[in-house]
Amino acid sequence: MSTARKLRLGPLPSHASTKLTFTCPTHLRADLDRYAALHARTYGETVDAATLIPYMLEAFMAGDRGFRRSRNGGFTQEQTSKSTNSRS
């Protein structure tokens, strides 16, 4: 493991999983591939972008205070729906 730099997304744990398919812009795919290459160099474990995406999403959602509040009862389902609909 490289000690020169740590990435926000650390070494990957092992989890049970389910398959999800999504479409992203080509520039995002290129960035994900570059991140995967950097992650592999940093932690000495070869991974591809598809492997990293669930962990990136998990880290993003864990850092989203509004989402955490809603999970902890800070919003009702009706308030969450109104908020989502007002952005449309």
N, C-alpha and C. Protein backbone atom coordinates (compact mmCIF):
# COMPACT_ATOMS: atom_id res chain seq x y z
N MET A 1 0.85 -1.18 0.00
CA MET A 1 0.00 0.00 0.00
C MET A 1 0.89 1.24 0.00
N SER A 2 0.58 2.18 -0.85
CA SER A 2 1.34 3.41 -0.95
C SER A 2 1.04 4.31 0.25
N THR A 3 2.08 4.91 0.81
CA THR A 3 1.88 5.83 1.93
C THR A 3 1.95 7.27 1.47
N ALA A 4 2.23 7.50 0.18
CA ALA A 4 2.37 8.85 -0.34
C ALA A 4 1.05 9.61 -0.28
N ARG A 5 -0.04 8.95 -0.53
CA ARG A 5 -1.32 9.64 -0.60
C ARG A 5 -2.43 8.66 -0.24
N LYS A 6 -3.40 9.11 0.49
CA LYS A 6 -4.58 8.30 0.80
C LYS A 6 -5.75 8.85 0.00
N LEU A 7 -6.57 7.98 -0.51
CA LEU A 7 -7.77 8.38 -1.22
C LEU A 7 -8.95 8.39 -0.26
N ARG A 8 -9.94 9.17 -0.58
CA ARG A 8 -11.14 9.21 0.26
C ARG A 8 -11.77 7.83 0.36
N LEU A 9 -11.75 7.10 -0.76
CA LEU A 9 -12.27 5.75 -0.77
C LEU A 9 -11.11 4.81 -0.45
N GLY A 10 -11.14 4.22 0.73
CA GLY A 10 -10.05 3.37 1.19
C GLY A 10 -10.12 1.97 0.58
N PRO A 11 -9.38 1.03 1.16
CA PRO A 11 -9.43 -0.35 0.69
C PRO A 11 -10.86 -0.88 0.74
N LEU A 12 -11.21 -1.73 -0.19
CA LEU A 12 -12.59 -2.19 -0.32
C LEU A 12 -12.90 -3.38 0.58
N PRO A 13 -14.00 -3.30 1.33
CA PRO A 13 -14.45 -4.45 2.11
C PRO A 13 -15.21 -5.41 1.21
N SER A 14 -15.54 -6.56 1.72
CA SER A 14 -16.31 -7.53 0.96
C SER A 14 -17.76 -7.48 1.43
N HIS A 15 -18.71 -7.41 0.49
CA HIS A 15 -20.14 -7.33 0.81
C HIS A 15 -20.94 -8.21 -0.14
N ALA A 16 -22.13 -8.62 0.31
CA ALA A 16 -23.07 -9.25 -0.61
C ALA A 16 -23.57 -8.16 -1.55
N SER A 17 -23.94 -8.53 -2.77
CA SER A 17 -24.31 -7.48 -3.72
C SER A 17 -25.48 -7.89 -4.59
N THR A 18 -26.01 -6.89 -5.29
CA THR A 18 -27.05 -7.08 -6.29
C THR A 18 -26.66 -6.27 -7.51
N LYS A 19 -27.10 -6.67 -8.69
CA LYS A 19 -26.69 -6.00 -9.91
C LYS A 19 -27.61 -4.82 -10.22
N LEU A 20 -26.99 -3.70 -10.63
CA LEU A 20 -27.70 -2.49 -11.03
C LEU A 20 -26.98 -1.95 -12.25
N THR A 21 -27.70 -1.62 -13.29
CA THR A 21 -27.11 -1.10 -14.52
C THR A 21 -27.51 0.36 -14.67
N PHE A 22 -26.56 1.21 -15.06
CA PHE A 22 -26.88 2.62 -15.29
C PHE A 22 -26.04 3.15 -16.44
N THR A 23 -26.45 4.28 -16.96
CA THR A 23 -25.77 4.93 -18.07
C THR A 23 -25.15 6.22 -17.55
N CYS A 24 -23.91 6.50 -17.97
CA CYS A 24 -23.25 7.73 -17.56
C CYS A 24 -22.55 8.37 -18.75
N PRO A 25 -22.26 9.65 -18.66
CA PRO A 25 -21.54 10.32 -19.75
C PRO A 25 -20.14 9.72 -19.91
N THR A 26 -19.61 9.81 -21.14
CA THR A 26 -18.29 9.22 -21.41
C THR A 26 -17.20 9.87 -20.57
N HIS A 27 -17.30 11.18 -20.29
CA HIS A 27 -16.26 11.82 -19.48
C HIS A 27 -16.28 11.30 -18.04
N LEU A 28 -17.47 10.96 -17.53
CA LEU A 28 -17.55 10.39 -16.18
C LEU A 28 -16.95 8.99 -16.18
N ARG A 29 -17.22 8.21 -17.20
CA ARG A 29 -16.63 6.87 -17.28
C ARG A 29 -15.10 6.95 -17.30
N ALA A 30 -14.57 7.92 -18.06
CA ALA A 30 -13.12 8.09 -18.11
C ALA A 30 -12.57 8.46 -16.74
N ASP A 31 -13.26 9.34 -16.03
CA ASP A 31 -12.83 9.71 -14.68
C ASP A 31 -12.89 8.52 -13.73
N LEU A 32 -13.94 7.72 -13.84
CA LEU A 32 -14.05 6.52 -13.00
C LEU A 32 -12.91 5.55 -13.28
N ASP A 33 -12.58 5.38 -14.55
CA ASP A 33 -11.46 4.49 -14.91
C ASP A 33 -10.14 5.02 -14.35
N ARG A 34 -9.93 6.34 -14.43
CA ARG A 34 -8.71 6.94 -13.86
C ARG A 34 -8.67 6.75 -12.35
N TYR A 35 -9.81 6.94 -11.70
CA TYR A 35 -9.87 6.74 -10.24
C TYR A 35 -9.55 5.29 -9.90
N ALA A 36 -10.10 4.35 -10.66
CA ALA A 36 -9.82 2.93 -10.41
C ALA A 36 -8.34 2.63 -10.55
N ALA A 37 -7.70 3.22 -11.56
CA ALA A 37 -6.26 3.00 -11.74
C ALA A 37 -5.47 3.59 -10.57
N LEU A 38 -5.84 4.78 -10.13
CA LEU A 38 -5.17 5.40 -8.98
C LEU A 38 -5.40 4.58 -7.72
N HIS A 39 -6.61 4.09 -7.54
CA HIS A 39 -6.93 3.25 -6.37
C HIS A 39 -6.07 1.99 -6.39
N ALA A 40 -5.92 1.38 -7.55
CA ALA A 40 -5.10 0.17 -7.67
C ALA A 40 -3.65 0.46 -7.32
N ARG A 41 -3.12 1.58 -7.80
CA ARG A 41 -1.72 1.94 -7.48
C ARG A 41 -1.57 2.24 -6.00
N THR A 42 -2.56 2.90 -5.42
CA THR A 42 -2.47 3.31 -4.01
C THR A 42 -2.56 2.12 -3.06
N TYR A 43 -3.47 1.18 -3.36
CA TYR A 43 -3.73 0.08 -2.43
C TYR A 43 -3.23 -1.27 -2.91
N GLY A 44 -2.62 -1.31 -4.10
CA GLY A 44 -2.04 -2.56 -4.59
C GLY A 44 -3.05 -3.64 -4.90
N GLU A 45 -4.28 -3.25 -5.18
CA GLU A 45 -5.35 -4.20 -5.49
C GLU A 45 -6.03 -3.74 -6.78
N THR A 46 -5.96 -4.55 -7.82
CA THR A 46 -6.55 -4.17 -9.09
C THR A 46 -8.08 -4.21 -8.99
N VAL A 47 -8.71 -3.08 -9.31
CA VAL A 47 -10.17 -2.97 -9.33
C VAL A 47 -10.57 -2.19 -10.57
N ASP A 48 -11.80 -2.40 -11.01
CA ASP A 48 -12.30 -1.61 -12.12
C ASP A 48 -13.35 -0.63 -11.61
N ALA A 49 -13.78 0.26 -12.49
CA ALA A 49 -14.74 1.29 -12.10
C ALA A 49 -16.04 0.69 -11.58
N ALA A 50 -16.52 -0.38 -12.22
CA ALA A 50 -17.77 -1.00 -11.80
C ALA A 50 -17.68 -1.53 -10.37
N THR A 51 -16.53 -1.95 -9.95
CA THR A 51 -16.33 -2.43 -8.58
C THR A 51 -16.36 -1.27 -7.59
N LEU A 52 -15.80 -0.13 -8.00
CA LEU A 52 -15.71 1.02 -7.09
C LEU A 52 -17.02 1.79 -6.93
N ILE A 53 -17.85 1.81 -7.96
CA ILE A 53 -19.05 2.65 -7.94
C ILE A 53 -19.93 2.42 -6.71
N PRO A 54 -20.25 1.20 -6.30
CA PRO A 54 -21.11 1.03 -5.12
C PRO A 54 -20.49 1.65 -3.86
N TYR A 55 -19.18 1.53 -3.71
CA TYR A 55 -18.53 2.09 -2.53
C TYR A 55 -18.51 3.61 -2.59
N MET A 56 -18.35 4.16 -3.79
CA MET A 56 -18.40 5.61 -3.96
C MET A 56 -19.79 6.13 -3.61
N LEU A 57 -20.82 5.45 -4.10
CA LEU A 57 -22.19 5.87 -3.78
C LEU A 57 -22.48 5.77 -2.29
N GLU A 58 -22.00 4.69 -1.69
CA GLU A 58 -22.20 4.51 -0.25
C GLU A 58 -21.53 5.64 0.53
N ALA A 59 -20.31 6.01 0.15
CA ALA A 59 -19.61 7.11 0.82
C ALA A 59 -20.32 8.43 0.60
N PHE A 60 -20.82 8.65 -0.62
CA PHE A 60 -21.55 9.87 -0.92
C PHE A 60 -22.81 9.98 -0.06
N MET A 61 -23.57 8.89 0.00
CA MET A 61 -24.81 8.92 0.77
C MET A 61 -24.55 9.04 2.27
N ALA A 62 -23.48 8.44 2.75
CA ALA A 62 -23.13 8.56 4.16
C ALA A 62 -22.77 10.00 4.53
N GLY A 63 -22.24 10.74 3.56
CA GLY A 63 -21.85 12.12 3.82
C GLY A 63 -22.96 13.13 3.56
N ASP A 64 -24.11 12.70 3.07
CA ASP A 64 -25.21 13.60 2.76
C ASP A 64 -26.08 13.78 4.01
N ARG A 65 -25.96 14.95 4.64
CA ARG A 65 -26.67 15.19 5.89
C ARG A 65 -28.19 15.12 5.73
N GLY A 66 -28.70 15.63 4.63
CA GLY A 66 -30.15 15.58 4.40
C GLY A 66 -30.65 14.15 4.31
N PHE A 67 -29.90 13.31 3.63
CA PHE A 67 -30.28 11.91 3.52
C PHE A 67 -30.20 11.22 4.87
N ARG A 68 -29.15 11.48 5.62
CA ARG A 68 -29.02 10.88 6.96
C ARG A 68 -30.19 11.31 7.85
N ARG A 69 -30.55 12.58 7.78
CA ARG A 69 -31.68 13.08 8.58
C ARG A 69 -32.96 12.34 8.20
N SER A 70 -33.18 12.14 6.91
CA SER A 70 -34.41 11.46 6.48
C SER A 70 -34.43 10.02 6.95
N ARG A 71 -33.28 9.37 6.99
CA ARG A 71 -33.22 7.98 7.47
C ARG A 71 -33.45 7.90 8.97
N ASN A 72 -33.11 8.97 9.68
CA ASN A 72 -33.25 8.98 11.14
C ASN A 72 -34.56 9.59 11.58
N GLY A 73 -35.52 9.73 10.68
CA GLY A 73 -36.83 10.24 11.06
C GLY A 73 -36.94 11.75 11.00
N GLY A 74 -35.96 12.42 10.40
CA GLY A 74 -36.01 13.88 10.32
C GLY A 74 -37.03 14.39 9.34
N PHE A 75 -37.41 13.58 8.37
CA PHE A 75 -38.42 13.94 7.38
C PHE A 75 -39.45 12.83 7.33
N THR A 76 -40.69 13.21 7.05
CA THR A 76 -41.70 12.18 6.81
C THR A 76 -41.65 11.83 5.33
N GLN A 77 -42.26 10.75 4.94
CA GLN A 77 -42.29 10.34 3.53
C GLN A 77 -42.96 11.44 2.70
N GLU A 78 -44.00 12.06 3.23
CA GLU A 78 -44.71 13.12 2.51
C GLU A 78 -43.80 14.32 2.27
N GLN A 79 -43.01 14.71 3.29
CA GLN A 79 -42.09 15.84 3.13
C GLN A 79 -41.03 15.52 2.09
N THR A 80 -40.52 14.30 2.09
CA THR A 80 -39.50 13.90 1.14
C THR A 80 -40.06 13.94 -0.28
N SER A 81 -41.30 13.46 -0.46
CA SER A 81 -41.93 13.47 -1.79
C SER A 81 -42.16 14.90 -2.27
N LYS A 82 -42.62 15.79 -1.39
CA LYS A 82 -42.84 17.18 -1.77
C LYS A 82 -41.54 17.83 -2.18
N SER A 83 -40.47 17.57 -1.45
CA SER A 83 -39.18 18.13 -1.76
C SER A 83 -38.68 17.65 -3.12
N THR A 84 -38.84 16.38 -3.40
CA THR A 84 -38.42 15.82 -4.67
C THR A 84 -39.25 16.39 -5.82
N ASN A 85 -40.56 16.51 -5.61
CA ASN A 85 -41.45 17.03 -6.65
C ASN A 85 -41.20 18.50 -6.92
N SER A 86 -40.80 19.26 -5.93
CA SER A 86 -40.58 20.70 -6.13
C SER A 86 -39.35 20.96 -6.97
N ARG A 87 -38.43 19.99 -7.06
CA ARG A 87 -37.22 20.14 -7.87
C ARG A 87 -37.46 19.80 -9.33
N SER A 88 -38.57 19.18 -9.64
CA SER A 88 -38.84 18.74 -11.02
C SER A 88 -39.14 19.89 -11.94
